Amino acid sequence: LKCVDMESEDNQFFQSLKYILENDISTLGYDITFSTEIEEFGIMQTRELVEGGATKVVTEDTKEEYVRLVCQERLTGSIRSQLHAFLEGFYEIIPLELISIFNEQELELLICGLPEINLDDLKAHTI
């Protein structure tokens, strides 16, 4: 996962993270801690990004780590149990050792095929 993945998920939040990275965090006028709020099944929850994160203040030296962790939590943390169940079933069919040699683009091509539809081919092979 990369921080830019957050852009399509929540552009406003992405812009705030980008602002944090591009500016001195001490000029914000308030403290940011290593925690984030996540909405899960309609309920807002505060999750610590590191142990003791609710009281650990983000500094200029640690802001890149904060952005990385908050992106990871926002993109995968709220669906952690569903993602774990999916991967468990997926790895039963195709073991991790067999697919770990592929990057995400190669794996997508193997699973989805080419991103174009050949109508003549489709007509020739359907009833």
Protein backbone atom coordinates (compact mmCIF):
# COMPACT_ATOMS: atom_id res chain seq x y z
CA LEU A 1 0.00 0.00 0.00
CA LYS A 2 1.08 3.51 -0.77
CA CYS A 3 -0.24 6.81 0.51
CA VAL A 4 -1.43 7.70 -3.01
CA ASP A 5 -3.84 4.74 -2.78
CA MET A 6 -5.74 6.85 -0.25
CA GLU A 7 -6.39 9.53 -2.89
CA SER A 8 -9.10 7.53 -4.65
CA GLU A 9 -10.58 6.27 -1.37
CA ASP A 10 -10.89 9.61 0.47
CA ASN A 11 -9.43 12.56 -1.43
CA GLN A 12 -10.05 15.10 1.34
CA PHE A 13 -8.21 12.93 3.87
CA PHE A 14 -5.43 12.34 1.33
CA GLN A 15 -5.03 16.10 0.87
CA SER A 16 -4.70 16.57 4.64
CA LEU A 17 -2.00 13.89 4.80
CA LYS A 18 -0.22 15.50 1.87
CA TYR A 19 -0.34 18.85 3.71
CA ILE A 20 1.19 17.24 6.80
CA LEU A 21 4.03 15.78 4.73
CA GLU A 22 4.75 19.01 2.86
CA ASN A 23 4.61 21.38 5.85
CA ASP A 24 6.14 21.72 9.29
CA ILE A 25 3.84 19.83 11.63
CA SER A 26 4.56 22.20 14.52
CA THR A 27 2.77 25.01 12.65
CA LEU A 28 -0.60 23.21 12.67
CA GLY A 29 -1.58 24.67 16.04
CA TYR A 30 -2.68 21.34 17.50
CA ASP A 31 -1.16 17.96 18.28
CA ILE A 32 -1.71 14.87 16.20
CA THR A 33 -1.30 11.52 17.92
CA PHE A 34 -0.55 8.07 16.55
CA SER A 35 -4.23 7.16 16.45
CA THR A 36 -7.05 7.53 13.95
CA GLU A 37 -10.81 7.30 13.85
CA ILE A 38 -12.32 4.53 11.76
CA GLU A 39 -15.98 4.02 10.95
CA GLU A 40 -16.85 0.35 11.05
CA PHE A 41 -20.45 -0.78 10.57
CA GLY A 42 -21.65 2.77 11.27
CA ILE A 43 -19.76 3.09 14.56
CA MET A 44 -16.80 5.44 14.97
CA GLN A 45 -13.85 3.89 16.76
CA THR A 46 -10.47 5.33 17.72
CA ARG A 47 -7.63 2.97 16.88
CA GLU A 48 -4.05 3.33 18.02
CA LEU A 49 -1.55 3.01 15.19
CA VAL A 50 1.22 2.00 17.60
CA GLU A 51 1.16 0.86 21.21
CA GLY A 52 0.31 3.88 23.34
CA GLY A 53 -0.49 5.82 20.16
CA ALA A 54 -3.30 7.84 21.72
CA THR A 55 -0.73 9.68 23.83
CA LYS A 56 2.26 9.58 21.44
CA VAL A 57 2.48 12.92 19.61
CA VAL A 58 3.50 13.00 15.95
CA THR A 59 6.62 15.10 15.38
CA GLU A 60 8.41 16.38 12.32
CA ASP A 61 10.71 13.35 12.56
CA THR A 62 7.86 10.83 12.85
CA LYS A 63 5.26 12.31 10.48
CA GLU A 64 6.20 10.01 7.57
CA GLU A 65 5.72 6.96 9.79
CA TYR A 66 2.38 8.38 10.96
CA VAL A 67 1.15 8.91 7.39
CA ARG A 68 2.23 5.39 6.39
CA LEU A 69 0.49 3.83 9.40
CA VAL A 70 -2.70 5.86 9.12
CA CYS A 71 -3.01 4.99 5.41
CA GLN A 72 -2.47 1.32 6.16
CA GLU A 73 -5.10 1.38 8.90
CA ARG A 74 -7.64 3.35 6.88
CA LEU A 75 -7.25 1.17 3.77
CA THR A 76 -7.02 -2.28 5.35
CA GLY A 77 -7.67 -2.02 9.09
CA SER A 78 -11.42 -1.53 8.84
CA ILE A 79 -11.76 -4.66 6.69
CA ARG A 80 -9.07 -6.71 8.42
CA SER A 81 -11.32 -9.66 9.35
CA GLN A 82 -12.94 -9.81 5.90
CA LEU A 83 -9.54 -9.54 4.19
CA HIS A 84 -8.13 -12.30 6.40
CA ALA A 85 -11.05 -14.63 5.56
CA PHE A 86 -10.67 -13.90 1.83
CA LEU A 87 -6.92 -14.53 1.85
CA GLU A 88 -7.31 -17.71 3.86
CA GLY A 89 -9.68 -19.12 1.20
CA PHE A 90 -7.60 -17.77 -1.67
CA TYR A 91 -4.42 -19.39 -0.33
CA GLU A 92 -6.25 -22.73 -0.02
CA ILE A 93 -6.78 -22.62 -3.77
CA ILE A 94 -3.45 -21.03 -4.75
CA PRO A 95 -0.70 -21.31 -2.12
CA LEU A 96 1.19 -18.10 -1.30
CA GLU A 97 4.47 -19.69 -2.40
CA LEU A 98 3.13 -20.04 -5.96
CA ILE A 99 1.86 -16.49 -6.38
CA SER A 100 4.53 -14.61 -4.43
CA ILE A 101 6.70 -14.48 -7.55
CA PHE A 102 4.19 -12.13 -9.23
CA ASN A 103 3.76 -8.42 -8.61
CA GLU A 104 0.22 -6.96 -8.36
CA GLN A 105 -0.03 -6.08 -12.07
CA GLU A 106 1.06 -9.54 -13.21
CA LEU A 107 -1.34 -11.22 -10.78
CA GLU A 108 -4.21 -9.03 -11.98
CA LEU A 109 -3.44 -9.98 -15.59
CA LEU A 110 -3.40 -13.69 -14.69
CA ILE A 111 -6.71 -13.48 -12.83
CA CYS A 112 -8.60 -10.98 -15.00
CA GLY A 113 -6.99 -11.40 -18.39
CA LEU A 114 -6.49 -8.64 -20.91
CA PRO A 115 -8.53 -5.47 -20.34
CA GLU A 116 -10.13 -5.63 -23.78
CA ILE A 117 -13.12 -7.58 -25.05
CA ASN A 118 -12.84 -9.26 -28.43
CA LEU A 119 -16.42 -9.43 -29.72
CA ASP A 120 -15.59 -11.83 -32.55
CA ASP A 121 -13.95 -14.22 -30.08
CA LEU A 122 -16.90 -13.86 -27.69
CA LYS A 123 -19.43 -14.61 -30.47
CA ALA A 124 -17.44 -17.59 -31.71
CA HIS A 125 -17.30 -19.23 -28.26
CA THR A 126 -20.77 -18.60 -26.88
CA ILE A 127 -24.15 -20.09 -27.66
